[in-house]
C-alpha atoms as a PDB file:
ATOM      1  CA  UNK A   1     108.802 154.497  23.457  1.00  0.00           C
ATOM      2  CA  UNK A   2     110.944 154.036  20.406  1.00  0.00           C
ATOM      3  CA  UNK A   3     114.390 155.191  19.435  1.00  0.00           C
ATOM      4  CA  UNK A   4     116.570 155.365  16.374  1.00  0.00           C
ATOM      5  CA  UNK A   5     116.950 151.589  16.724  1.00  0.00           C
ATOM      6  CA  UNK A   6     113.282 151.162  15.727  1.00  0.00           C
ATOM      7  CA  UNK A   7     111.742 154.341  14.325  1.00  0.00           C
ATOM      8  CA  UNK A   8     108.098 154.782  15.250  1.00  0.00           C
ATOM      9  CA  UNK A   9     105.862 153.183  12.637  1.00  0.00           C
ATOM     10  CA  UNK A  10     102.846 155.127  11.404  1.00  0.00           C
ATOM     11  CA  UNK A  11      99.786 153.091  10.521  1.00  0.00           C
ATOM     12  CA  UNK A  12      96.847 154.175   8.378  1.00  0.00           C
ATOM     13  CA  UNK A  13      93.698 154.830  10.434  1.00  0.00           C
ATOM     14  CA  UNK A  14      91.939 152.089   8.434  1.00  0.00           C
ATOM     15  CA  UNK A  15      94.563 149.647   9.739  1.00  0.00           C
ATOM     16  CA  UNK A  16      94.629 150.726  13.417  1.00  0.00           C
ATOM     17  CA  UNK A  17      92.656 153.138  15.575  1.00  0.00           C
ATOM     18  CA  UNK A  18      95.675 153.542  17.853  1.00  0.00           C
ATOM     19  CA  UNK A  19      95.071 150.411  19.910  1.00  0.00           C
ATOM     20  CA  UNK A  20      98.106 148.414  18.754  1.00  0.00           C
ATOM     21  CA  UNK A  21     100.386 151.466  19.106  1.00  0.00           C
ATOM     22  CA  UNK A  22      99.110 152.061  22.639  1.00  0.00           C
ATOM     23  CA  UNK A  23      99.487 148.351  23.414  1.00  0.00           C
ATOM     24  CA  UNK A  24     103.216 148.467  22.637  1.00  0.00           C
ATOM     25  CA  UNK A  25     103.631 151.628  24.734  1.00  0.00           C
ATOM     26  CA  UNK A  26     101.832 149.986  27.667  1.00  0.00           C
ATOM     27  CA  UNK A  27     104.148 146.995  27.480  1.00  0.00           C
ATOM     28  CA  UNK A  28     107.134 149.334  27.427  1.00  0.00           C
ATOM     29  CA  UNK A  29     105.928 151.231  30.493  1.00  0.00           C
ATOM     30  CA  UNK A  30     106.047 148.005  32.504  1.00  0.00           C
ATOM     31  CA  UNK A  31     109.315 146.465  31.278  1.00  0.00           C
ATOM     32  CA  UNK A  32     111.722 149.352  30.616  1.00  0.00           C
ATOM     33  CA  UNK A  33     114.275 149.620  33.408  1.00  0.00           C
ATOM     34  CA  UNK A  34     113.942 145.948  34.333  1.00  0.00           C
ATOM     35  CA  UNK A  35     115.461 142.642  33.307  1.00  0.00           C
ATOM     36  CA  UNK A  36     113.411 139.748  31.968  1.00  0.00           C
ATOM     37  CA  UNK A  37     114.358 136.654  33.927  1.00  0.00           C
ATOM     38  CA  UNK A  38     111.792 134.302  32.410  1.00  0.00           C
ATOM     39  CA  UNK A  39     109.388 134.179  29.469  1.00  0.00           C
ATOM     40  CA  UNK A  40     106.854 131.382  29.150  1.00  0.00           C
ATOM     41  CA  UNK A  41     103.678 130.712  27.247  1.00  0.00           C
ATOM     42  CA  UNK A  42     100.684 129.499  29.227  1.00  0.00           C
ATOM     43  CA  UNK A  43      97.256 128.321  28.157  1.00  0.00           C
ATOM     44  CA  UNK A  44      94.422 129.255  30.491  1.00  0.00           C
ATOM     45  CA  UNK A  45      90.755 128.437  30.475  1.00  0.00           C
ATOM     46  CA  UNK A  46      89.678 132.027  31.159  1.00  0.00           C
ATOM     47  CA  UNK A  47      91.841 133.499  28.377  1.00  0.00           C
ATOM     48  CA  UNK A  48      93.489 132.586  25.141  1.00  0.00           C
ATOM     49  CA  UNK A  49      97.214 131.897  25.132  1.00  0.00           C
ATOM     50  CA  UNK A  50      99.163 134.058  27.560  1.00  0.00           C
ATOM     51  CA  UNK A  51     102.829 135.070  27.460  1.00  0.00           C
ATOM     52  CA  UNK A  52     104.095 135.637  30.998  1.00  0.00           C
ATOM     53  CA  UNK A  53     107.213 137.773  31.388  1.00  0.00           C
ATOM     54  CA  UNK A  54     108.798 137.572  34.832  1.00  0.00           C
ATOM     55  CA  UNK A  55     110.894 140.629  35.676  1.00  0.00           C
ATOM     56  CA  UNK A  56     113.898 140.967  37.977  1.00  0.00           C
ATOM     57  CA  UNK A  57     111.741 142.240  40.876  1.00  0.00           C
ATOM     58  CA  UNK A  58     109.336 139.280  40.591  1.00  0.00           C
ATOM     59  CA  UNK A  59     106.603 141.233  38.803  1.00  0.00           C
ATOM     60  CA  UNK A  60     104.846 139.288  36.069  1.00  0.00           C
ATOM     61  CA  UNK A  61     103.637 141.032  32.935  1.00  0.00           C
ATOM     62  CA  UNK A  62     101.019 138.951  31.139  1.00  0.00           C
ATOM     63  CA  UNK A  63     100.120 139.443  27.474  1.00  0.00           C
ATOM     64  CA  UNK A  64      96.959 137.520  26.605  1.00  0.00           C
ATOM     65  CA  UNK A  65      95.712 136.951  23.060  1.00  0.00           C
ATOM     66  CA  UNK A  66      92.346 138.531  22.295  1.00  0.00           C
ATOM     67  CA  UNK A  67      89.650 138.022  19.697  1.00  0.00           C
ATOM     68  CA  UNK A  68      86.391 139.801  18.921  1.00  0.00           C
ATOM     69  CA  UNK A  69      84.606 138.692  15.748  1.00  0.00           C
ATOM     70  CA  UNK A  70      86.988 139.609  12.912  1.00  0.00           C
ATOM     71  CA  UNK A  71      89.424 141.562  15.133  1.00  0.00           C
ATOM     72  CA  UNK A  72      92.175 139.787  17.036  1.00  0.00           C
ATOM     73  CA  UNK A  73      95.703 139.913  18.415  1.00  0.00           C
ATOM     74  CA  UNK A  74      97.709 136.728  18.846  1.00  0.00           C
ATOM     75  CA  UNK A  75     101.273 135.868  19.721  1.00  0.00           C
ATOM     76  CA  UNK A  76     102.578 133.603  16.972  1.00  0.00           C
ATOM     77  CA  UNK A  77     106.134 133.182  18.300  1.00  0.00           C
ATOM     78  CA  UNK A  78     108.679 134.698  20.649  1.00  0.00           C
ATOM     79  CA  UNK A  79     112.418 134.503  21.054  1.00  0.00           C
ATOM     80  CA  UNK A  80     114.208 135.313  24.309  1.00  0.00           C
ATOM     81  CA  UNK A  81     117.984 135.511  24.150  1.00  0.00           C
ATOM     82  CA  UNK A  82     119.162 133.457  27.176  1.00  0.00           C
ATOM     83  CA  UNK A  83     122.287 135.602  27.478  1.00  0.00           C
ATOM     84  CA  UNK A  84     120.095 138.679  27.893  1.00  0.00           C
ATOM     85  CA  UNK A  85     118.980 138.185  31.487  1.00  0.00           C
ATOM     86  CA  UNK A  86     121.851 140.371  32.695  1.00  0.00           C
ATOM     87  CA  UNK A  87     120.803 143.331  30.538  1.00  0.00           C
ATOM     88  CA  UNK A  88     118.357 146.051  31.555  1.00  0.00           C
ATOM     89  CA  UNK A  89     115.645 146.867  29.021  1.00  0.00           C
ATOM     90  CA  UNK A  90     116.106 150.329  27.550  1.00  0.00           C
ATOM     91  CA  UNK A  91     113.269 150.430  25.025  1.00  0.00           C
ATOM     92  CA  UNK A  92     110.601 148.787  22.925  1.00  0.00           C
ATOM     93  CA  UNK A  93     109.906 149.169  19.230  1.00  0.00           C
ATOM     94  CA  UNK A  94     108.179 147.544  16.302  1.00  0.00           C
ATOM     95  CA  UNK A  95     108.783 146.642  12.685  1.00  0.00           C
ATOM     96  CA  UNK A  96     106.741 145.209   9.822  1.00  0.00           C
ATOM     97  CA  UNK A  97     103.529 147.073  10.609  1.00  0.00           C
ATOM     98  CA  UNK A  98     103.582 146.233  14.323  1.00  0.00           C
ATOM     99  CA  UNK A  99     103.769 142.500  13.582  1.00  0.00           C
ATOM    100  CA  UNK A 100     107.235 142.208  15.160  1.00  0.00           C
ATOM    101  CA  UNK A 101     107.804 143.770  18.568  1.00  0.00           C
ATOM    102  CA  UNK A 102     111.327 144.273  19.897  1.00  0.00           C
ATOM    103  CA  UNK A 103     112.239 144.609  23.569  1.00  0.00           C
ATOM    104  CA  UNK A 104     115.840 145.697  23.648  1.00  0.00           C
ATOM    105  CA  UNK A 105     118.852 146.756  25.690  1.00  0.00           C
ATOM    106  CA  UNK A 106     121.727 148.974  24.615  1.00  0.00           C
ATOM    107  CA  UNK A 107     123.426 146.056  22.831  1.00  0.00           C
ATOM    108  CA  UNK A 108     120.359 144.722  20.947  1.00  0.00           C
ATOM    109  CA  UNK A 109     117.152 142.725  21.202  1.00  0.00           C
ATOM    110  CA  UNK A 110     116.473 140.846  24.405  1.00  0.00           C
ATOM    111  CA  UNK A 111     113.058 139.563  23.365  1.00  0.00           C
ATOM    112  CA  UNK A 112     111.311 139.510  19.991  1.00  0.00           C
ATOM    113  CA  UNK A 113     107.579 138.877  19.661  1.00  0.00           C
ATOM    114  CA  UNK A 114     106.013 137.907  16.357  1.00  0.00           C
ATOM    115  CA  UNK A 115     102.290 138.511  16.286  1.00  0.00           C
ATOM    116  CA  UNK A 116      99.276 138.491  14.075  1.00  0.00           C
ATOM    117  CA  UNK A 117      96.635 141.146  14.473  1.00  0.00           C
ATOM    118  CA  UNK A 118      93.744 142.817  12.748  1.00  0.00           C
ATOM    119  CA  UNK A 119      91.494 145.634  13.874  1.00  0.00           C
ATOM    120  CA  UNK A 120      88.566 144.232  11.909  1.00  0.00           C
ATOM    121  CA  UNK A 121      86.406 147.327  11.521  1.00  0.00           C
ATOM    122  CA  UNK A 122      88.439 150.099  13.285  1.00  0.00           C
ATOM    123  CA  UNK A 123      86.716 151.446  16.368  1.00  0.00           C
ATOM    124  CA  UNK A 124      84.033 148.752  16.423  1.00  0.00           C
ATOM    125  CA  UNK A 125      85.697 145.512  17.539  1.00  0.00           C
ATOM    126  CA  UNK A 126      88.196 144.971  20.331  1.00  0.00           C
ATOM    127  CA  UNK A 127      91.774 143.909  19.663  1.00  0.00           C
ATOM    128  CA  UNK A 128      95.228 144.335  21.183  1.00  0.00           C
ATOM    129  CA  UNK A 129      96.785 142.193  23.890  1.00  0.00           C
ATOM    130  CA  UNK A 130      95.039 142.092  27.232  1.00  0.00           C
ATOM    131  CA  UNK A 131      97.978 143.226  29.402  1.00  0.00           C
ATOM    132  CA  UNK A 132      97.849 142.349  33.089  1.00  0.00           C
ATOM    133  CA  UNK A 133     100.566 143.170  35.633  1.00  0.00           C
ATOM    134  CA  UNK A 134     100.845 141.007  38.730  1.00  0.00           C
ATOM    135  CA  UNK A 135     102.959 142.371  41.588  1.00  0.00           C
ATOM    136  CA  UNK A 136     105.127 139.883  43.507  1.00  0.00           C
ATOM    137  CA  UNK A 137     102.935 140.319  46.615  1.00  0.00           C
ATOM    138  CA  UNK A 138      99.891 139.140  44.624  1.00  0.00           C
ATOM    139  CA  UNK A 139     101.679 135.918  43.618  1.00  0.00           C
ATOM    140  CA  UNK A 140     101.900 134.558  47.166  1.00  0.00           C
END
């Protein structure tokens, strides 16, 4: 899911068991080929903080923070370029050890996510965003 814009980062197996890499790929599979028309942070009782991305077809892609003992994934900040709503997403990538995620179009970043994460003890605790996709028909 990466390109020359953001070469694929390789993490040591003591740092990640593949969860965070797969998490980014899952996000990409839902947003590539679409436009992001809205990005908003929500706080819900049943989950930690949730970033809701609304796509051009009305689909909502939700990224919820997770935590399990000493393992966690949390969205610290995000930046959506308001001028980007007219640009179709062509890829996703990461930098800084998967702590900065880039959702981009041909011309550059549309959305940048800054996150904190730790696998705790790899393979033992759960981490990575809880990604939920809600189709427009489910929103009615």
